[in-house]
Amino acid sequence: MKKIERAARLFRQHSEMFRCPLCSAGMNMNESNSLICTNRHCFDLSKHGYIHLLSRTARPSKYGKAVFESRQAMCRNGFFDEVIEQIRDIVSRETKDTRTLRILDVGCGEGSHLAGLTTSLGMTAERAIVGVGMDLSKDGIHLAAKEYPGLIWCVVPSRTSSSTSS
């Protein structure tokens, strides 16, 4: 199955988790692989398997592809393994009776932490795990979707307005 097909299936299965960033209405994934709200705001699924929920072009991030590739290399070499294990133990203990576990990683960067946690928790016949990663950086989400296609990835707007100095 292609990445875009797998991602579209995930968005369809879990569209109730999403609200339109423009009007807060509920959203559904249509057959054209677009996430559309009841007020017809439309966000297309990229061919790489993520949704870009920004209504206009964001200012360039100080975190580019090189930063995320470096972080990904650190994660692959086990730098954060102990932290992920600690989080896994807490999540396992606190959610042991939960049939469907939904994990949201806001500021997920290139997705290594969320992917490591969901893999570590392990989906079973008794428990489903849905991982959703969100970040302001298109570069980070692009890498996440490329590397970890079994999770939901979104480029999202910041809820805070830009600050001004006085």
Protein backbone atom coordinates (compact mmCIF):
# COMPACT_ATOMS: atom_id res chain seq x y z
CA MET A 1 0.00 0.00 0.00
CA LYS A 2 1.32 3.45 -0.94
CA LYS A 3 2.09 5.99 1.79
CA ILE A 4 -0.69 8.31 0.66
CA GLU A 5 -3.24 5.46 0.73
CA ARG A 6 -2.11 4.35 4.18
CA ALA A 7 -2.21 7.91 5.49
CA ALA A 8 -5.65 8.55 3.97
CA ARG A 9 -6.96 5.40 5.66
CA LEU A 10 -5.58 6.56 9.02
CA PHE A 11 -7.14 10.02 8.63
CA ARG A 12 -10.49 8.46 7.67
CA GLN A 13 -10.43 6.13 10.65
CA HIS A 14 -9.60 8.91 13.10
CA SER A 15 -11.06 12.07 11.55
CA GLU A 16 -13.17 12.68 14.67
CA MET A 17 -9.97 13.81 16.40
CA PHE A 18 -9.58 16.80 14.07
CA ARG A 19 -11.13 20.27 14.10
CA CYS A 20 -10.74 22.85 11.38
CA PRO A 21 -7.97 25.33 12.27
CA LEU A 22 -10.03 28.13 10.67
CA CYS A 23 -13.51 27.60 12.17
CA SER A 24 -13.21 24.69 14.66
CA ALA A 25 -15.82 22.59 12.81
CA GLY A 26 -15.52 18.81 12.60
CA MET A 27 -13.57 17.34 9.70
CA ASN A 28 -13.71 14.25 7.48
CA MET A 29 -11.35 12.78 4.88
CA ASN A 30 -13.08 12.59 1.49
CA GLU A 31 -12.39 10.24 -1.43
CA SER A 32 -10.06 12.83 -3.01
CA ASN A 33 -7.79 12.60 0.05
CA SER A 34 -8.72 16.02 1.40
CA LEU A 35 -9.61 16.74 5.00
CA ILE A 36 -12.72 18.94 4.76
CA CYS A 37 -14.70 20.63 7.51
CA THR A 38 -18.47 21.12 7.54
CA ASN A 39 -17.88 24.74 6.41
CA ARG A 40 -15.94 23.43 3.38
CA HIS A 41 -12.45 24.51 4.41
CA CYS A 42 -10.23 22.01 2.65
CA PHE A 43 -6.74 20.67 3.42
CA ASP A 44 -5.14 18.19 1.03
CA LEU A 45 -3.16 15.14 2.00
CA SER A 46 0.35 15.42 0.53
CA LYS A 47 1.72 12.63 -1.62
CA HIS A 48 4.17 12.01 1.24
CA GLY A 49 1.34 11.20 3.65
CA TYR A 50 0.82 14.27 5.84
CA ILE A 51 -1.72 17.07 6.08
CA HIS A 52 -0.69 20.72 5.91
CA LEU A 53 -3.19 22.58 8.12
CA LEU A 54 -1.82 26.09 7.59
CA SER A 55 -4.16 28.43 5.77
CA ARG A 56 -1.31 30.53 4.44
CA THR A 57 2.43 30.22 4.10
CA ALA A 58 4.19 30.37 7.44
CA ARG A 59 7.37 32.28 8.06
CA PRO A 60 10.41 30.09 7.49
CA SER A 61 11.34 28.12 10.59
CA LYS A 62 14.77 28.36 12.16
CA TYR A 63 14.59 24.56 12.28
CA GLY A 64 15.35 23.27 8.79
CA LYS A 65 15.91 19.87 7.27
CA ALA A 66 19.54 19.65 8.47
CA VAL A 67 18.54 20.13 12.12
CA PHE A 68 15.89 17.42 11.88
CA GLU A 69 18.21 15.01 10.08
CA SER A 70 20.79 15.50 12.85
CA ARG A 71 18.19 14.88 15.54
CA GLN A 72 17.00 11.79 13.69
CA ALA A 73 20.57 10.44 13.63
CA MET A 74 20.88 11.01 17.39
CA CYS A 75 17.62 9.14 17.96
CA ARG A 76 18.69 6.23 15.78
CA ASN A 77 21.85 5.92 17.87
CA GLY A 78 19.81 5.55 21.07
CA PHE A 79 20.40 8.98 22.59
CA PHE A 80 16.78 9.29 23.80
CA ASP A 81 16.03 5.58 24.39
CA GLU A 82 16.06 5.87 28.18
CA VAL A 83 13.66 8.82 28.12
CA ILE A 84 11.30 6.96 25.79
CA GLU A 85 11.43 3.91 28.08
CA GLN A 86 10.54 6.05 31.10
CA ILE A 87 7.60 7.61 29.25
CA ARG A 88 6.50 4.18 28.01
CA ASP A 89 6.47 2.84 31.59
CA ILE A 90 4.36 5.77 32.81
CA VAL A 91 1.92 5.54 29.89
CA SER A 92 1.62 1.75 30.29
CA ARG A 93 0.94 2.04 34.00
CA GLU A 94 -1.59 4.88 33.71
CA THR A 95 -3.51 3.50 30.71
CA LYS A 96 -3.42 -0.26 31.28
CA ASP A 97 -7.22 -0.63 30.86
CA THR A 98 -7.48 1.62 27.80
CA ARG A 99 -8.56 -0.21 24.61
CA THR A 100 -7.53 2.55 22.20
CA LEU A 101 -4.60 4.70 23.21
CA ARG A 102 -4.23 8.02 21.39
CA ILE A 103 -0.91 9.78 21.75
CA LEU A 104 -0.43 13.37 20.58
CA ASP A 105 3.07 14.76 20.18
CA VAL A 106 2.87 18.53 19.71
CA GLY A 107 6.18 19.86 18.45
CA CYS A 108 7.13 16.39 17.23
CA GLY A 109 9.88 17.60 14.89
CA GLU A 110 10.95 14.71 12.68
CA GLY A 111 8.85 12.18 14.60
CA SER A 112 11.46 9.93 16.23
CA HIS A 113 10.11 10.28 19.76
CA LEU A 114 6.50 9.53 18.85
CA ALA A 115 7.51 6.62 16.61
CA GLY A 116 9.78 5.22 19.33
CA LEU A 117 7.07 5.50 21.97
CA THR A 118 4.33 3.90 19.87
CA THR A 119 6.66 1.08 18.83
CA SER A 120 7.78 0.57 22.41
CA LEU A 121 4.19 0.40 23.66
CA GLY A 122 3.35 -2.12 20.97
CA MET A 123 -0.11 -2.52 19.49
CA THR A 124 -1.80 -5.79 20.44
CA ALA A 125 -5.11 -7.54 19.74
CA GLU A 126 -6.37 -6.03 23.00
CA ARG A 127 -5.09 -2.53 22.44
CA ALA A 128 -4.85 -0.17 19.48
CA ILE A 129 -2.39 2.72 19.46
CA VAL A 130 -2.91 5.85 17.37
CA GLY A 131 0.00 8.27 17.19
CA VAL A 132 -0.48 11.84 15.96
CA GLY A 133 2.50 14.14 15.45
CA MET A 134 2.11 17.89 14.89
CA ASP A 135 4.72 20.53 14.22
CA LEU A 136 5.07 23.99 12.71
CA SER A 137 7.92 22.82 10.50
CA LYS A 138 7.05 21.34 7.12
CA ASP A 139 10.60 19.97 6.89
CA GLY A 140 10.20 18.09 10.17
CA ILE A 141 6.79 16.66 9.27
CA HIS A 142 8.00 15.71 5.80
CA LEU A 143 10.82 13.65 7.35
CA ALA A 144 8.44 12.12 9.90
CA ALA A 145 5.94 11.02 7.24
CA LYS A 146 8.75 9.64 5.10
CA GLU A 147 10.33 7.65 7.92
CA TYR A 148 7.26 6.60 9.95
CA PRO A 149 4.26 6.07 7.64
CA GLY A 150 2.08 4.25 10.21
CA LEU A 151 1.36 7.43 12.18
CA ILE A 152 -0.67 10.58 11.51
CA TRP A 153 1.44 13.64 10.68
CA CYS A 154 0.29 17.29 10.42
CA VAL A 155 1.88 20.67 9.80
CA VAL A 156 -0.15 22.92 12.09
CA PRO A 157 -0.50 26.63 12.77
CA SER A 158 0.69 28.19 15.98
CA ARG A 159 -2.13 29.25 18.28
CA THR A 160 -0.09 32.18 19.51
CA SER A 161 0.19 35.36 17.55
CA SER A 162 3.62 36.70 16.74
CA SER A 163 5.07 38.69 19.55
CA THR A 164 6.34 42.22 19.24
CA SER A 165 9.07 43.77 21.28
CA SER A 166 8.48 46.99 23.14
